[in-house]
PDB file of all heavy atoms in Angstrom:
ATOM      1  N   ARG A   1     -19.522  -5.109   6.073  1.00  0.00           N
ATOM      2  CA  ARG A   1     -19.993  -6.206   5.198  1.00  0.00           C
ATOM      3  C   ARG A   1     -20.258  -7.410   6.048  1.00  0.00           C
ATOM      4  O   ARG A   1     -19.355  -7.813   6.935  1.00  0.00           O
ATOM      5  CB  ARG A   1     -19.095  -6.566   4.104  1.00  0.00           C
ATOM      6  CG  ARG A   1     -18.721  -5.424   3.134  1.00  0.00           C
ATOM      7  CD  ARG A   1     -17.978  -5.960   1.916  1.00  0.00           C
ATOM      8  NE  ARG A   1     -17.415  -4.899   1.151  1.00  0.00           N
ATOM      9  CZ  ARG A   1     -16.059  -4.652   1.079  1.00  0.00           C
ATOM     10  NH1 ARG A   1     -15.277  -5.436   1.705  1.00  0.00           N
ATOM     11  NH2 ARG A   1     -15.676  -3.658   0.397  1.00  0.00           N
ATOM     12  N   ASP A   2     -21.457  -8.036   5.989  1.00  0.00           N
ATOM     13  CA  ASP A   2     -21.700  -9.157   6.786  1.00  0.00           C
ATOM     14  C   ASP A   2     -21.395  -8.947   8.258  1.00  0.00           C
ATOM     15  O   ASP A   2     -21.978  -8.033   8.874  1.00  0.00           O
ATOM     16  CB  ASP A   2     -20.995 -10.401   6.212  1.00  0.00           C
ATOM     17  CG  ASP A   2     -21.357 -10.646   4.704  1.00  0.00           C
ATOM     18  OD1 ASP A   2     -22.449 -10.358   4.369  1.00  0.00           O
ATOM     19  OD2 ASP A   2     -20.558 -11.242   4.031  1.00  0.00           O
ATOM     20  N   ASP A   3     -20.536  -9.755   8.848  1.00  0.00           N
ATOM     21  CA  ASP A   3     -20.190  -9.691  10.210  1.00  0.00           C
ATOM     22  C   ASP A   3     -18.970  -8.851  10.506  1.00  0.00           C
ATOM     23  O   ASP A   3     -18.479  -8.811  11.618  1.00  0.00           O
ATOM     24  CB  ASP A   3     -20.056 -11.036  10.816  1.00  0.00           C
ATOM     25  CG  ASP A   3     -20.136 -11.001  12.339  1.00  0.00           C
ATOM     26  OD1 ASP A   3     -21.002 -10.338  12.917  1.00  0.00           O
ATOM     27  OD2 ASP A   3     -19.350 -11.709  13.044  1.00  0.00           O
ATOM     28  N   ALA A   4     -18.437  -8.143   9.527  1.00  0.00           N
ATOM     29  CA  ALA A   4     -17.133  -7.389   9.767  1.00  0.00           C
ATOM     30  C   ALA A   4     -17.417  -5.962   9.530  1.00  0.00           C
ATOM     31  O   ALA A   4     -18.079  -5.487   8.669  1.00  0.00           O
ATOM     32  CB  ALA A   4     -16.108  -7.938   8.723  1.00  0.00           C
ATOM     33  N   VAL A   5     -16.650  -5.186  10.412  1.00  0.00           N
ATOM     34  CA  VAL A   5     -16.602  -3.705  10.278  1.00  0.00           C
ATOM     35  C   VAL A   5     -15.211  -3.302  10.182  1.00  0.00           C
ATOM     36  O   VAL A   5     -14.364  -3.755  11.067  1.00  0.00           O
ATOM     37  CB  VAL A   5     -17.422  -3.017  11.394  1.00  0.00           C
ATOM     38  CG1 VAL A   5     -17.284  -1.519  11.323  1.00  0.00           C
ATOM     39  CG2 VAL A   5     -18.864  -3.459  11.489  1.00  0.00           C
ATOM     40  N   GLY A   6     -14.865  -2.322   9.395  1.00  0.00           N
ATOM     41  CA  GLY A   6     -13.427  -1.904   9.287  1.00  0.00           C
ATOM     42  C   GLY A   6     -13.350  -0.530   8.834  1.00  0.00           C
ATOM     43  O   GLY A   6     -14.285   0.171   8.416  1.00  0.00           O
ATOM     44  N   LEU A   7     -12.125   0.013   8.926  1.00  0.00           N
ATOM     45  CA  LEU A   7     -11.726   1.372   8.431  1.00  0.00           C
ATOM     46  C   LEU A   7     -10.964   1.175   7.171  1.00  0.00           C
ATOM     47  O   LEU A   7      -9.995   0.371   7.106  1.00  0.00           O
ATOM     48  CB  LEU A   7     -10.941   2.118   9.450  1.00  0.00           C
ATOM     49  CG  LEU A   7     -11.590   2.566  10.778  1.00  0.00           C
ATOM     50  CD1 LEU A   7     -10.659   3.205  11.702  1.00  0.00           C
ATOM     51  CD2 LEU A   7     -12.770   3.473  10.427  1.00  0.00           C
ATOM     52  N   SER A   8     -11.241   1.980   6.213  1.00  0.00           N
ATOM     53  CA  SER A   8     -10.478   1.973   4.910  1.00  0.00           C
ATOM     54  C   SER A   8      -9.087   2.424   5.144  1.00  0.00           C
ATOM     55  O   SER A   8      -8.816   3.442   5.699  1.00  0.00           O
ATOM     56  CB  SER A   8     -11.135   2.815   3.893  1.00  0.00           C
ATOM     57  OG  SER A   8     -10.308   3.029   2.750  1.00  0.00           O
ATOM     58  N   SER A   9      -8.067   1.717   4.621  1.00  0.00           N
ATOM     59  CA  SER A   9      -6.712   2.001   4.751  1.00  0.00           C
ATOM     60  C   SER A   9      -6.299   3.212   3.778  1.00  0.00           C
ATOM     61  O   SER A   9      -5.245   3.845   3.970  1.00  0.00           O
ATOM     62  CB  SER A   9      -5.768   0.866   4.445  1.00  0.00           C
ATOM     63  OG  SER A   9      -5.958   0.387   3.156  1.00  0.00           O
ATOM     64  N   THR A  10      -7.049   3.451   2.779  1.00  0.00           N
ATOM     65  CA  THR A  10      -6.727   4.474   1.787  1.00  0.00           C
ATOM     66  C   THR A  10      -7.480   5.792   2.038  1.00  0.00           C
ATOM     67  O   THR A  10      -7.057   6.811   1.590  1.00  0.00           O
ATOM     68  CB  THR A  10      -7.043   4.023   0.415  1.00  0.00           C
ATOM     69  OG1 THR A  10      -8.422   3.607   0.264  1.00  0.00           O
ATOM     70  CG2 THR A  10      -6.165   2.855   0.024  1.00  0.00           C
ATOM     71  N   ALA A  11      -8.607   5.758   2.856  1.00  0.00           N
ATOM     72  CA  ALA A  11      -9.404   6.926   3.007  1.00  0.00           C
ATOM     73  C   ALA A  11      -9.096   7.708   4.307  1.00  0.00           C
ATOM     74  O   ALA A  11      -9.433   8.786   4.426  1.00  0.00           O
ATOM     75  CB  ALA A  11     -10.920   6.535   2.990  1.00  0.00           C
ATOM     76  N   ILE A  12      -8.509   6.926   5.264  1.00  0.00           N
ATOM     77  CA  ILE A  12      -8.253   7.622   6.582  1.00  0.00           C
ATOM     78  C   ILE A  12      -6.917   7.187   7.061  1.00  0.00           C
ATOM     79  O   ILE A  12      -6.524   6.025   7.009  1.00  0.00           O
ATOM     80  CB  ILE A  12      -9.372   7.219   7.566  1.00  0.00           C
ATOM     81  CG1 ILE A  12      -9.185   8.026   8.858  1.00  0.00           C
ATOM     82  CG2 ILE A  12      -9.417   5.715   7.841  1.00  0.00           C
ATOM     83  CD1 ILE A  12     -10.425   7.892   9.789  1.00  0.00           C
ATOM     84  N   ALA A  13      -6.161   8.185   7.619  1.00  0.00           N
ATOM     85  CA  ALA A  13      -4.867   7.912   8.217  1.00  0.00           C
ATOM     86  C   ALA A  13      -4.985   8.070   9.720  1.00  0.00           C
ATOM     87  O   ALA A  13      -5.674   8.978  10.156  1.00  0.00           O
ATOM     88  CB  ALA A  13      -3.835   8.848   7.619  1.00  0.00           C
ATOM     89  N   VAL A  14      -4.385   7.203  10.480  1.00  0.00           N
ATOM     90  CA  VAL A  14      -4.482   7.213  11.932  1.00  0.00           C
ATOM     91  C   VAL A  14      -3.106   7.385  12.577  1.00  0.00           C
ATOM     92  O   VAL A  14      -2.182   6.713  12.215  1.00  0.00           O
ATOM     93  CB  VAL A  14      -5.182   5.920  12.448  1.00  0.00           C
ATOM     94  CG1 VAL A  14      -5.382   6.006  13.937  1.00  0.00           C
ATOM     95  CG2 VAL A  14      -6.509   5.707  11.794  1.00  0.00           C
ATOM     96  N   ASP A  15      -2.997   8.335  13.551  1.00  0.00           N
ATOM     97  CA  ASP A  15      -1.697   8.613  14.095  1.00  0.00           C
ATOM     98  C   ASP A  15      -1.141   7.368  14.843  1.00  0.00           C
ATOM     99  O   ASP A  15       0.121   7.192  14.913  1.00  0.00           O
ATOM    100  CB  ASP A  15      -1.794   9.749  15.059  1.00  0.00           C
ATOM    101  CG  ASP A  15      -2.726   9.589  16.236  1.00  0.00           C
ATOM    102  OD1 ASP A  15      -3.541   8.581  16.221  1.00  0.00           O
ATOM    103  OD2 ASP A  15      -2.803  10.455  17.198  1.00  0.00           O
ATOM    104  N   VAL A  16      -1.938   6.489  15.340  1.00  0.00           N
ATOM    105  CA  VAL A  16      -1.481   5.296  16.084  1.00  0.00           C
ATOM    106  C   VAL A  16      -0.720   4.428  15.089  1.00  0.00           C
ATOM    107  O   VAL A  16       0.365   3.889  15.368  1.00  0.00           O
ATOM    108  CB  VAL A  16      -2.641   4.502  16.709  1.00  0.00           C
ATOM    109  CG1 VAL A  16      -2.107   3.193  17.433  1.00  0.00           C
ATOM    110  CG2 VAL A  16      -3.379   5.358  17.721  1.00  0.00           C
ATOM    111  N   ALA A  17      -1.305   4.240  13.898  1.00  0.00           N
ATOM    112  CA  ALA A  17      -0.580   3.409  12.856  1.00  0.00           C
ATOM    113  C   ALA A  17       0.687   4.040  12.440  1.00  0.00           C
ATOM    114  O   ALA A  17       1.714   3.339  12.235  1.00  0.00           O
ATOM    115  CB  ALA A  17      -1.559   3.242  11.656  1.00  0.00           C
ATOM    116  N   GLU A  18       0.655   5.366  12.296  1.00  0.00           N
ATOM    117  CA  GLU A  18       1.905   6.061  11.903  1.00  0.00           C
ATOM    118  C   GLU A  18       2.979   5.927  12.976  1.00  0.00           C
ATOM    119  O   GLU A  18       4.197   5.772  12.732  1.00  0.00           O
ATOM    120  CB  GLU A  18       1.577   7.504  11.554  1.00  0.00           C
ATOM    121  CG  GLU A  18       2.803   8.312  11.084  1.00  0.00           C
ATOM    122  CD  GLU A  18       3.330   7.913   9.723  1.00  0.00           C
ATOM    123  OE1 GLU A  18       2.740   6.956   9.121  1.00  0.00           O
ATOM    124  OE2 GLU A  18       4.310   8.506   9.272  1.00  0.00           O
ATOM    125  N   PHE A  19       2.495   6.003  14.255  1.00  0.00           N
ATOM    126  CA  PHE A  19       3.425   5.888  15.391  1.00  0.00           C
ATOM    127  C   PHE A  19       4.131   4.541  15.364  1.00  0.00           C
ATOM    128  O   PHE A  19       5.343   4.443  15.517  1.00  0.00           O
ATOM    129  CB  PHE A  19       2.661   6.078  16.704  1.00  0.00           C
ATOM    130  CG  PHE A  19       3.430   5.625  17.931  1.00  0.00           C
ATOM    131  CD1 PHE A  19       4.316   6.503  18.521  1.00  0.00           C
ATOM    132  CD2 PHE A  19       3.289   4.386  18.492  1.00  0.00           C
ATOM    133  CE1 PHE A  19       5.098   6.154  19.608  1.00  0.00           C
ATOM    134  CE2 PHE A  19       4.069   3.983  19.579  1.00  0.00           C
ATOM    135  CZ  PHE A  19       4.905   4.894  20.161  1.00  0.00           C
ATOM    136  N   HIS A  20       3.386   3.442  15.148  1.00  0.00           N
ATOM    137  CA  HIS A  20       3.965   2.133  15.121  1.00  0.00           C
ATOM    138  C   HIS A  20       4.983   1.986  13.963  1.00  0.00           C
ATOM    139  O   HIS A  20       6.053   1.397  14.127  1.00  0.00           O
ATOM    140  CB  HIS A  20       2.818   1.078  14.955  1.00  0.00           C
ATOM    141  CG  HIS A  20       2.052   0.861  16.245  1.00  0.00           C
ATOM    142  ND1 HIS A  20       2.648   0.624  17.473  1.00  0.00           N
ATOM    143  CD2 HIS A  20       0.689   0.867  16.419  1.00  0.00           C
ATOM    144  CE1 HIS A  20       1.700   0.404  18.363  1.00  0.00           C
ATOM    145  NE2 HIS A  20       0.522   0.567  17.742  1.00  0.00           N
ATOM    146  N   ARG A  21       4.627   2.541  12.771  1.00  0.00           N
ATOM    147  CA  ARG A  21       5.514   2.471  11.635  1.00  0.00           C
ATOM    148  C   ARG A  21       6.817   3.194  11.918  1.00  0.00           C
ATOM    149  O   ARG A  21       7.876   2.610  11.692  1.00  0.00           O
ATOM    150  CB  ARG A  21       4.841   3.066  10.472  1.00  0.00           C
ATOM    151  CG  ARG A  21       5.597   2.881   9.143  1.00  0.00           C
ATOM    152  CD  ARG A  21       4.965   3.626   7.973  1.00  0.00           C
ATOM    153  NE  ARG A  21       5.115   5.079   8.080  1.00  0.00           N
ATOM    154  CZ  ARG A  21       6.191   5.745   7.767  1.00  0.00           C
ATOM    155  NH1 ARG A  21       7.282   5.155   7.297  1.00  0.00           N
ATOM    156  NH2 ARG A  21       6.203   7.065   7.844  1.00  0.00           N
ATOM    157  N   LEU A  22       6.770   4.359  12.515  1.00  0.00           N
ATOM    158  CA  LEU A  22       7.965   5.172  12.819  1.00  0.00           C
ATOM    159  C   LEU A  22       8.808   4.508  13.865  1.00  0.00           C
ATOM    160  O   LEU A  22       9.979   4.493  13.836  1.00  0.00           O
ATOM    161  CB  LEU A  22       7.583   6.612  13.052  1.00  0.00           C
ATOM    162  CG  LEU A  22       6.953   7.397  11.900  1.00  0.00           C
ATOM    163  CD1 LEU A  22       6.446   8.740  12.465  1.00  0.00           C
ATOM    164  CD2 LEU A  22       8.054   7.719  10.849  1.00  0.00           C
ATOM    165  N   ALA A  23       8.068   4.072  14.899  1.00  0.00           N
ATOM    166  CA  ALA A  23       8.797   3.487  16.097  1.00  0.00           C
ATOM    167  C   ALA A  23       9.548   2.256  15.727  1.00  0.00           C
ATOM    168  O   ALA A  23      10.500   1.856  16.465  1.00  0.00           O
ATOM    169  CB  ALA A  23       7.737   3.189  17.163  1.00  0.00           C
ATOM    170  N   ALA A  24       9.152   1.519  14.713  1.00  0.00           N
ATOM    171  CA  ALA A  24       9.862   0.327  14.245  1.00  0.00           C
ATOM    172  C   ALA A  24      11.135   0.651  13.505  1.00  0.00           C
ATOM    173  O   ALA A  24      11.958  -0.293  13.285  1.00  0.00           O
ATOM    174  CB  ALA A  24       8.977  -0.519  13.379  1.00  0.00           C
ATOM    175  N   SER A  25      11.389   1.866  13.196  1.00  0.00           N
ATOM    176  CA  SER A  25      12.611   2.264  12.455  1.00  0.00           C
ATOM    177  C   SER A  25      13.856   2.342  13.349  1.00  0.00           C
ATOM    178  O   SER A  25      13.742   2.524  14.597  1.00  0.00           O
ATOM    179  CB  SER A  25      12.368   3.595  11.754  1.00  0.00           C
ATOM    180  OG  SER A  25      13.599   4.005  11.127  1.00  0.00           O
ATOM    181  N   GLU A  26      14.976   2.277  12.721  1.00  0.00           N
ATOM    182  CA  GLU A  26      16.289   2.484  13.449  1.00  0.00           C
ATOM    183  C   GLU A  26      16.826   3.857  13.135  1.00  0.00           C
ATOM    184  O   GLU A  26      17.802   4.259  13.684  1.00  0.00           O
ATOM    185  CB  GLU A  26      17.301   1.439  13.099  1.00  0.00           C
ATOM    186  CG  GLU A  26      16.918   0.019  13.469  1.00  0.00           C
ATOM    187  CD  GLU A  26      16.818  -0.087  15.065  1.00  0.00           C
ATOM    188  OE1 GLU A  26      17.583   0.546  15.737  1.00  0.00           O
ATOM    189  OE2 GLU A  26      15.947  -0.819  15.508  1.00  0.00           O
ATOM    190  N   ASP A  27      16.077   4.630  12.338  1.00  0.00           N
ATOM    191  CA  ASP A  27      16.521   5.985  11.912  1.00  0.00           C
ATOM    192  C   ASP A  27      16.156   6.976  13.065  1.00  0.00           C
ATOM    193  O   ASP A  27      14.966   7.000  13.469  1.00  0.00           O
ATOM    194  CB  ASP A  27      15.886   6.356  10.627  1.00  0.00           C
ATOM    195  CG  ASP A  27      16.194   7.784  10.148  1.00  0.00           C
ATOM    196  OD1 ASP A  27      17.426   7.979   9.874  1.00  0.00           O
ATOM    197  OD2 ASP A  27      15.323   8.603  10.220  1.00  0.00           O
ATOM    198  N   VAL A  28      17.079   7.821  13.493  1.00  0.00           N
ATOM    199  CA  VAL A  28      16.761   8.706  14.603  1.00  0.00           C
ATOM    200  C   VAL A  28      15.700   9.757  14.287  1.00  0.00           C
ATOM    201  O   VAL A  28      14.938  10.114  15.068  1.00  0.00           O
ATOM    202  CB  VAL A  28      18.073   9.415  15.026  1.00  0.00           C
ATOM    203  CG1 VAL A  28      18.624  10.387  14.017  1.00  0.00           C
ATOM    204  CG2 VAL A  28      17.922  10.134  16.419  1.00  0.00           C
ATOM    205  N   THR A  29      15.652  10.155  12.993  1.00  0.00           N
ATOM    206  CA  THR A  29      14.630  11.068  12.562  1.00  0.00           C
ATOM    207  C   THR A  29      13.207  10.535  12.707  1.00  0.00           C
ATOM    208  O   THR A  29      12.285  11.142  13.172  1.00  0.00           O
ATOM    209  CB  THR A  29      14.856  11.537  11.158  1.00  0.00           C
ATOM    210  OG1 THR A  29      16.174  12.162  11.041  1.00  0.00           O
ATOM    211  CG2 THR A  29      13.859  12.600  10.707  1.00  0.00           C
ATOM    212  N   ALA A  30      13.090   9.270  12.310  1.00  0.00           N
ATOM    213  CA  ALA A  30      11.801   8.591  12.417  1.00  0.00           C
ATOM    214  C   ALA A  30      11.432   8.373  13.882  1.00  0.00           C
ATOM    215  O   ALA A  30      10.253   8.569  14.237  1.00  0.00           O
ATOM    216  CB  ALA A  30      11.891   7.214  11.727  1.00  0.00           C
ATOM    217  N   LEU A  31      12.317   8.093  14.767  1.00  0.00           N
ATOM    218  CA  LEU A  31      12.079   7.953  16.135  1.00  0.00           C
ATOM    219  C   LEU A  31      11.641   9.329  16.770  1.00  0.00           C
ATOM    220  O   LEU A  31      10.687   9.360  17.619  1.00  0.00           O
ATOM    221  CB  LEU A  31      13.325   7.498  16.907  1.00  0.00           C
ATOM    222  CG  LEU A  31      13.824   6.045  16.500  1.00  0.00           C
ATOM    223  CD1 LEU A  31      14.982   5.725  17.337  1.00  0.00           C
ATOM    224  CD2 LEU A  31      12.713   5.036  16.667  1.00  0.00           C
ATOM    225  N   ARG A  32      12.191  10.382  16.368  1.00  0.00           N
ATOM    226  CA  ARG A  32      11.862  11.677  16.749  1.00  0.00           C
ATOM    227  C   ARG A  32      10.401  12.021  16.403  1.00  0.00           C
ATOM    228  O   ARG A  32       9.653  12.550  17.186  1.00  0.00           O
ATOM    229  CB  ARG A  32      12.728  12.761  16.343  1.00  0.00           C
ATOM    230  CG  ARG A  32      14.134  12.780  16.785  1.00  0.00           C
ATOM    231  CD  ARG A  32      15.081  13.727  16.090  1.00  0.00           C
ATOM    232  NE  ARG A  32      16.415  13.667  16.581  1.00  0.00           N
ATOM    233  CZ  ARG A  32      17.475  14.127  15.906  1.00  0.00           C
ATOM    234  NH1 ARG A  32      17.285  14.543  14.563  1.00  0.00           N
ATOM    235  NH2 ARG A  32      18.688  14.013  16.381  1.00  0.00           N
ATOM    236  N   GLN A  33      10.050  11.736  15.155  1.00  0.00           N
ATOM    237  CA  GLN A  33       8.737  11.894  14.618  1.00  0.00           C
ATOM    238  C   GLN A  33       7.630  11.081  15.398  1.00  0.00           C
ATOM    239  O   GLN A  33       6.596  11.521  15.704  1.00  0.00           O
ATOM    240  CB  GLN A  33       8.678  11.588  13.094  1.00  0.00           C
ATOM    241  CG  GLN A  33       9.424  12.570  12.265  1.00  0.00           C
ATOM    242  CD  GLN A  33       9.546  12.105  10.817  1.00  0.00           C
ATOM    243  OE1 GLN A  33       9.276  10.942  10.435  1.00  0.00           O
ATOM    244  NE2 GLN A  33       9.936  13.025   9.943  1.00  0.00           N
ATOM    245  N   ALA A  34       8.063   9.853  15.680  1.00  0.00           N
ATOM    246  CA  ALA A  34       7.156   8.987  16.467  1.00  0.00           C
ATOM    247  C   ALA A  34       6.892   9.556  17.901  1.00  0.00           C
ATOM    248  O   ALA A  34       5.802   9.523  18.398  1.00  0.00           O
ATOM    249  CB  ALA A  34       7.761   7.539  16.583  1.00  0.00           C
ATOM    250  N   ALA A  35       8.035  10.086  18.504  1.00  0.00           N
ATOM    251  CA  ALA A  35       7.805  10.648  19.815  1.00  0.00           C
ATOM    252  C   ALA A  35       6.894  11.927  19.807  1.00  0.00           C
ATOM    253  O   ALA A  35       6.159  12.109  20.722  1.00  0.00           O
ATOM    254  CB  ALA A  35       9.203  10.998  20.331  1.00  0.00           C
ATOM    255  N   GLN A  36       6.992  12.655  18.781  1.00  0.00           N
ATOM    256  CA  GLN A  36       6.173  13.822  18.644  1.00  0.00           C
ATOM    257  C   GLN A  36       4.627  13.474  18.499  1.00  0.00           C
ATOM    258  O   GLN A  36       3.816  14.283  18.863  1.00  0.00           O
ATOM    259  CB  GLN A  36       6.608  14.646  17.444  1.00  0.00           C
ATOM    260  CG  GLN A  36       8.009  15.345  17.652  1.00  0.00           C
ATOM    261  CD  GLN A  36       8.442  16.063  16.365  1.00  0.00           C
ATOM    262  OE1 GLN A  36       7.828  15.981  15.351  1.00  0.00           O
ATOM    263  NE2 GLN A  36       9.609  16.708  16.454  1.00  0.00           N
ATOM    264  N   LEU A  37       4.404  12.329  17.874  1.00  0.00           N
ATOM    265  CA  LEU A  37       3.044  11.915  17.640  1.00  0.00           C
ATOM    266  C   LEU A  37       2.326  11.610  18.970  1.00  0.00           C
ATOM    267  O   LEU A  37       1.080  11.790  19.064  1.00  0.00           O
ATOM    268  CB  LEU A  37       2.986  10.671  16.730  1.00  0.00           C
ATOM    269  CG  LEU A  37       3.178  10.890  15.284  1.00  0.00           C
ATOM    270  CD1 LEU A  37       3.251   9.588  14.527  1.00  0.00           C
ATOM    271  CD2 LEU A  37       2.095  11.788  14.676  1.00  0.00           C
ATOM    272  N   TYR A  38       3.021  11.263  19.955  1.00  0.00           N
ATOM    273  CA  TYR A  38       2.376  10.906  21.242  1.00  0.00           C
ATOM    274  C   TYR A  38       2.160  12.150  22.075  1.00  0.00           C
ATOM    275  O   TYR A  38       3.001  12.612  22.798  1.00  0.00           O
ATOM    276  CB  TYR A  38       3.283   9.871  21.992  1.00  0.00           C
ATOM    277  CG  TYR A  38       2.548   9.249  23.257  1.00  0.00           C
ATOM    278  CD1 TYR A  38       1.755   8.186  23.073  1.00  0.00           C
ATOM    279  CD2 TYR A  38       2.760   9.752  24.485  1.00  0.00           C
ATOM    280  CE1 TYR A  38       1.115   7.594  24.151  1.00  0.00           C
ATOM    281  CE2 TYR A  38       2.167   9.174  25.614  1.00  0.00           C
ATOM    282  CZ  TYR A  38       1.276   8.083  25.437  1.00  0.00           C
ATOM    283  OH  TYR A  38       0.621   7.550  26.496  1.00  0.00           O
TER     284      TYR A  38
END
């Protein structure tokens, strides 16, 4: 729209975003999942 281009947050999931979310956790299971994404 106008001068902006973006990706819909509800229509597409991106592994980079999921990596950041999991890596911010202190839970060891989440950290393992983040490591697997890379």
